[in-house]
Amino acid sequence: MVKRAMVFYTGRVQGIGFRYIAREIACGYEVTGYVRNLPDGRVELVAEGAEEEVRAYAEALRTSQLGSHIRNADVNWSDATEEFRGFEIRH
């Protein structure tokens, strides 16, 4: 089943290349979606794909060099909209 994870990351997650690394890691998984900085200092990430693939991608982010900068990841699951064609950085 195709699912959507909307994740809000807190910590020192802006100004460290988080979005670029997240997009690079996404290339290794069958996920679509986007990542963007929020004005309040958080990073928002939306990933869609098979639930196991989205979970594996989220785990890869957590265990990457980004992991030491993440204080919290608030994940909200829902059904996928399948509106994305790839994984992009949004501004």
Protein backbone atom coordinates (compact mmCIF):
# COMPACT_ATOMS: atom_id res chain seq x y z
CA MET A 1 0.00 0.00 0.00
CA VAL A 2 1.26 3.45 -0.91
CA LYS A 3 1.53 5.75 2.11
CA ARG A 4 2.55 9.33 2.87
CA ALA A 5 4.75 10.36 5.78
CA MET A 6 4.84 14.05 6.67
CA VAL A 7 7.78 14.62 9.01
CA PHE A 8 8.69 17.76 10.91
CA TYR A 9 12.32 17.74 12.03
CA THR A 10 13.56 19.95 14.87
CA GLY A 11 17.06 20.57 16.12
CA ARG A 12 19.94 22.13 14.24
CA VAL A 13 18.39 21.18 10.91
CA GLN A 14 18.76 24.39 8.88
CA GLY A 15 22.01 25.72 7.46
CA ILE A 16 23.71 22.31 7.41
CA GLY A 17 22.71 21.02 3.97
CA PHE A 18 19.81 18.98 5.35
CA ARG A 19 17.62 19.43 2.26
CA TYR A 20 20.37 18.49 -0.17
CA ILE A 21 21.41 15.41 1.79
CA ALA A 22 17.75 14.35 2.19
CA ARG A 23 17.26 14.60 -1.59
CA GLU A 24 20.49 12.69 -2.25
CA ILE A 25 19.48 9.88 0.12
CA ALA A 26 16.00 9.76 -1.48
CA CYS A 27 17.64 8.76 -4.77
CA GLY A 28 18.46 5.39 -3.19
CA TYR A 29 14.82 4.64 -2.34
CA GLU A 30 11.58 4.37 -4.27
CA VAL A 31 10.07 7.47 -2.70
CA THR A 32 8.69 10.72 -4.07
CA GLY A 33 7.99 13.99 -2.31
CA TYR A 34 9.81 17.07 -1.13
CA VAL A 35 11.82 18.67 1.64
CA ARG A 36 11.78 22.34 2.66
CA ASN A 37 12.85 24.71 5.41
CA LEU A 38 10.12 26.32 7.48
CA PRO A 39 10.26 29.87 8.85
CA ASP A 40 10.19 28.60 12.45
CA GLY A 41 13.51 26.71 12.06
CA ARG A 42 12.05 23.25 11.41
CA VAL A 43 12.41 21.19 8.24
CA GLU A 44 9.31 19.65 6.65
CA LEU A 45 9.72 16.45 4.66
CA VAL A 46 6.97 14.65 2.76
CA ALA A 47 7.72 11.20 1.38
CA GLU A 48 5.39 8.85 -0.46
CA GLY A 49 5.89 5.26 -1.48
CA ALA A 50 5.39 1.74 -0.21
CA GLU A 51 5.26 2.00 3.59
CA GLU A 52 8.35 -0.19 4.05
CA GLU A 53 10.29 1.95 1.59
CA VAL A 54 9.28 5.22 3.28
CA ARG A 55 10.23 3.79 6.69
CA ALA A 56 13.60 2.63 5.33
CA TYR A 57 14.22 6.09 3.86
CA ALA A 58 13.35 7.78 7.17
CA GLU A 59 15.71 5.42 8.99
CA ALA A 60 18.48 6.16 6.49
CA LEU A 61 18.07 9.87 7.24
CA ARG A 62 18.23 9.21 10.97
CA THR A 63 21.41 7.13 10.68
CA SER A 64 23.11 9.48 8.19
CA GLN A 65 25.32 12.43 9.11
CA LEU A 66 22.05 14.35 9.63
CA GLY A 67 21.13 12.22 12.63
CA SER A 68 23.32 14.09 15.09
CA HIS A 69 21.54 17.35 14.19
CA ILE A 70 17.99 16.01 14.60
CA ARG A 71 16.49 16.52 18.04
CA ASN A 72 13.00 15.29 17.18
CA ALA A 73 11.09 13.91 14.20
CA ASP A 74 7.31 14.26 14.41
CA VAL A 75 5.82 11.84 11.85
CA ASN A 76 2.23 11.92 10.59
CA TRP A 77 1.07 9.04 8.36
CA SER A 78 -1.74 9.23 5.81
CA ASP A 79 -2.78 7.77 2.48
CA ALA A 80 -0.62 8.90 -0.41
CA THR A 81 -1.95 11.41 -2.91
CA GLU A 82 0.55 10.26 -5.56
CA GLU A 83 0.92 13.86 -6.75
CA PHE A 84 4.74 13.82 -6.93
CA ARG A 85 6.93 12.74 -9.85
CA GLY A 86 10.27 12.75 -8.04
CA PHE A 87 11.87 14.06 -4.86
CA GLU A 88 12.58 17.78 -4.81
CA ILE A 89 13.76 20.62 -2.65
CA ARG A 90 11.11 23.28 -2.22
CA HIS A 91 11.78 26.88 -1.26
